[in-house]
């Protein structure tokens, strides 16, 4: 049983991510998450979607969420073809 390991790229391509947090963030938070589209969801969460240049930038965003005391719900890669929902604030 031999499996070929997947090589890790030194400089992976930017990827699109969705970060979901508990509660509805108001417009003043948009500057904290520049470059991401902010959507208020009917389930009481806020969805932040955008292209993140690399894993370090993703961790930086998650650190910002933590430092602001915003409860994190989920983080996942977003479908590149997924359109941002209407009602976005950024």
Foldseek 3Di string as FASTA:
>chain_A
DDDDDDDDDPFDAWFKKKWKFAAADDLVCCVVVDAWWWAQDPVGIIITIHTARDPVSVVVSVVSCVVVVIGTDDMDTDDPPDDDDPPTND
